[in-house]
C-alpha atoms as a PDB file:
ATOM      1  CA  MET A   1       4.135 -35.119 -41.205  1.00  0.00           C
ATOM      2  CA  ALA A   2       5.930 -36.736 -38.394  1.00  0.00           C
ATOM      3  CA  THR A   3       5.128 -35.677 -34.884  1.00  0.00           C
ATOM      4  CA  LYS A   4       7.844 -35.236 -32.358  1.00  0.00           C
ATOM      5  CA  LYS A   5       7.534 -37.008 -29.096  1.00  0.00           C
ATOM      6  CA  LYS A   6       8.170 -34.884 -26.088  1.00  0.00           C
ATOM      7  CA  THR A   7      10.070 -36.563 -23.346  1.00  0.00           C
ATOM      8  CA  LEU A   8       9.504 -35.489 -19.813  1.00  0.00           C
ATOM      9  CA  LYS A   9      12.520 -34.968 -17.656  1.00  0.00           C
ATOM     10  CA  LYS A  10      12.472 -36.508 -14.257  1.00  0.00           C
ATOM     11  CA  PRO A  11      12.793 -33.989 -11.451  1.00  0.00           C
ATOM     12  CA  GLU A  12      16.295 -33.923 -10.078  1.00  0.00           C
ATOM     13  CA  VAL A  13      16.710 -35.005  -6.524  1.00  0.00           C
ATOM     14  CA  ALA A  14      19.009 -32.789  -4.516  1.00  0.00           C
ATOM     15  CA  THR A  15      21.907 -34.893  -3.373  1.00  0.00           C
ATOM     16  CA  GLY A  16      24.437 -32.934  -1.436  1.00  0.00           C
ATOM     17  CA  THR A  17      25.861 -32.363   1.943  1.00  0.00           C
ATOM     18  CA  ALA A  18      23.398 -29.656   2.898  1.00  0.00           C
ATOM     19  CA  THR A  19      22.058 -30.100   6.389  1.00  0.00           C
ATOM     20  CA  ALA A  20      18.911 -28.823   7.986  1.00  0.00           C
ATOM     21  CA  ASN A  21      20.898 -27.283  10.846  1.00  0.00           C
ATOM     22  CA  PRO A  22      23.665 -25.041   9.564  1.00  0.00           C
ATOM     23  CA  GLN A  23      26.708 -24.840  11.774  1.00  0.00           C
ATOM     24  CA  ALA A  24      26.997 -21.908  14.126  1.00  0.00           C
ATOM     25  CA  PRO A  25      29.602 -19.355  13.114  1.00  0.00           C
ATOM     26  CA  GLN A  26      33.012 -20.157  14.520  1.00  0.00           C
ATOM     27  CA  PRO A  27      34.468 -17.616  16.976  1.00  0.00           C
ATOM     28  CA  ASP A  28      37.360 -15.533  15.774  1.00  0.00           C
ATOM     29  CA  PRO A  29      40.560 -17.244  17.003  1.00  0.00           C
ATOM     30  CA  THR A  30      42.354 -13.881  17.195  1.00  0.00           C
ATOM     31  CA  ALA A  31      39.709 -12.204  19.373  1.00  0.00           C
ATOM     32  CA  LEU A  32      40.595 -11.276  22.948  1.00  0.00           C
ATOM     33  CA  SER A  33      38.219 -12.054  25.781  1.00  0.00           C
ATOM     34  CA  ILE A  34      37.995 -10.451  29.207  1.00  0.00           C
ATOM     35  CA  GLY A  35      39.603 -13.605  30.609  1.00  0.00           C
ATOM     36  CA  ASP A  36      42.546 -13.125  28.242  1.00  0.00           C
ATOM     37  CA  LEU A  37      42.989  -9.554  29.473  1.00  0.00           C
ATOM     38  CA  LYS A  38      42.855 -10.679  33.106  1.00  0.00           C
ATOM     39  CA  ASN A  39      45.544 -13.265  32.347  1.00  0.00           C
ATOM     40  CA  LEU A  40      47.662 -10.580  30.688  1.00  0.00           C
ATOM     41  CA  SER A  41      47.337  -8.446  33.798  1.00  0.00           C
ATOM     42  CA  THR A  42      48.522 -11.357  35.946  1.00  0.00           C
ATOM     43  CA  ILE A  43      51.428 -12.035  33.586  1.00  0.00           C
ATOM     44  CA  LEU A  44      52.550  -8.390  33.774  1.00  0.00           C
ATOM     45  CA  ASP A  45      52.362  -8.480  37.568  1.00  0.00           C
ATOM     46  CA  VAL A  46      54.344 -11.722  37.876  1.00  0.00           C
ATOM     47  CA  ALA A  47      56.949 -10.677  35.296  1.00  0.00           C
ATOM     48  CA  SER A  48      57.580  -7.345  37.008  1.00  0.00           C
ATOM     49  CA  THR A  49      57.820  -9.039  40.420  1.00  0.00           C
ATOM     50  CA  ARG A  50      60.436 -11.446  39.066  1.00  0.00           C
ATOM     51  CA  GLY A  51      62.489  -8.651  37.531  1.00  0.00           C
ATOM     52  CA  ALA A  52      61.782  -9.393  33.882  1.00  0.00           C
ATOM     53  CA  PHE A  53      61.759  -5.702  32.955  1.00  0.00           C
ATOM     54  CA  LYS A  54      64.619  -3.220  33.123  1.00  0.00           C
ATOM     55  CA  ALA A  55      64.221  -0.083  35.239  1.00  0.00           C
ATOM     56  CA  GLY A  56      63.726   2.094  32.148  1.00  0.00           C
ATOM     57  CA  GLU A  57      60.949  -0.167  30.909  1.00  0.00           C
ATOM     58  CA  MET A  58      58.976  -0.164  34.154  1.00  0.00           C
ATOM     59  CA  ALA A  59      57.222   3.155  33.439  1.00  0.00           C
ATOM     60  CA  GLY A  60      55.746   1.849  30.183  1.00  0.00           C
ATOM     61  CA  VAL A  61      54.819  -1.484  31.726  1.00  0.00           C
ATOM     62  CA  GLY A  62      53.238   0.241  34.730  1.00  0.00           C
ATOM     63  CA  PHE A  63      51.260   2.601  32.503  1.00  0.00           C
ATOM     64  CA  LEU A  64      49.921  -0.298  30.451  1.00  0.00           C
ATOM     65  CA  TYR A  65      49.146  -2.302  33.591  1.00  0.00           C
ATOM     66  CA  ASN A  66      47.211   0.596  35.147  1.00  0.00           C
ATOM     67  CA  LYS A  67      45.301   1.209  31.926  1.00  0.00           C
ATOM     68  CA  LEU A  68      44.426  -2.493  31.694  1.00  0.00           C
ATOM     69  CA  GLN A  69      43.273  -2.576  35.343  1.00  0.00           C
ATOM     70  CA  ALA A  70      41.031   0.460  34.799  1.00  0.00           C
ATOM     71  CA  PHE A  71      39.467  -1.153  31.737  1.00  0.00           C
ATOM     72  CA  LEU A  72      38.857  -4.429  33.566  1.00  0.00           C
ATOM     73  CA  ALA A  73      37.319  -2.585  36.541  1.00  0.00           C
ATOM     74  CA  LYS A  74      34.971  -0.784  34.166  1.00  0.00           C
ATOM     75  CA  VAL A  75      33.968  -3.953  32.295  1.00  0.00           C
ATOM     76  CA  ALA A  76      33.782  -6.355  35.255  1.00  0.00           C
ATOM     77  CA  PRO A  77      30.749  -4.743  36.973  1.00  0.00           C
ATOM     78  CA  GLU A  78      28.862  -4.805  33.664  1.00  0.00           C
ATOM     79  CA  GLN A  79      29.506  -8.528  33.323  1.00  0.00           C
ATOM     80  CA  LYS A  80      28.445  -9.205  36.917  1.00  0.00           C
ATOM     81  CA  THR A  81      25.135  -7.393  36.421  1.00  0.00           C
ATOM     82  CA  GLU A  82      24.513  -9.319  33.197  1.00  0.00           C
ATOM     83  CA  GLY A  83      25.302 -12.570  35.032  1.00  0.00           C
ATOM     84  CA  ALA A  84      22.952 -11.646  37.875  1.00  0.00           C
ATOM     85  CA  LYS A  85      20.160 -10.952  35.392  1.00  0.00           C
ATOM     86  CA  ALA A  86      20.725 -14.329  33.763  1.00  0.00           C
ATOM     87  CA  GLU A  87      20.547 -16.020  37.178  1.00  0.00           C
ATOM     88  CA  GLU A  88      17.237 -14.283  37.965  1.00  0.00           C
ATOM     89  CA  LYS A  89      15.664 -15.517  34.740  1.00  0.00           C
ATOM     90  CA  LYS A  90      16.315 -19.160  35.667  1.00  0.00           C
END
């Protein structure tokens, strides 16, 4: 009887583009930041000052502007306290 020779396979070496440090997730390009909302508030103010809106549109623009200002006033103190805490840790 003939005996079969067993051949050993060499271990495969991983060759790829995998890196030890995976990239951090990219921020969502459609997300709005507090800075974006502050800029929008400034844009509404400048546009209304320059007469970009008709008289009938001013109520809606003013309502949105006031709502945006209230939101920013609510969020801004929270960010300042977080920033102050970060400064204290340094």
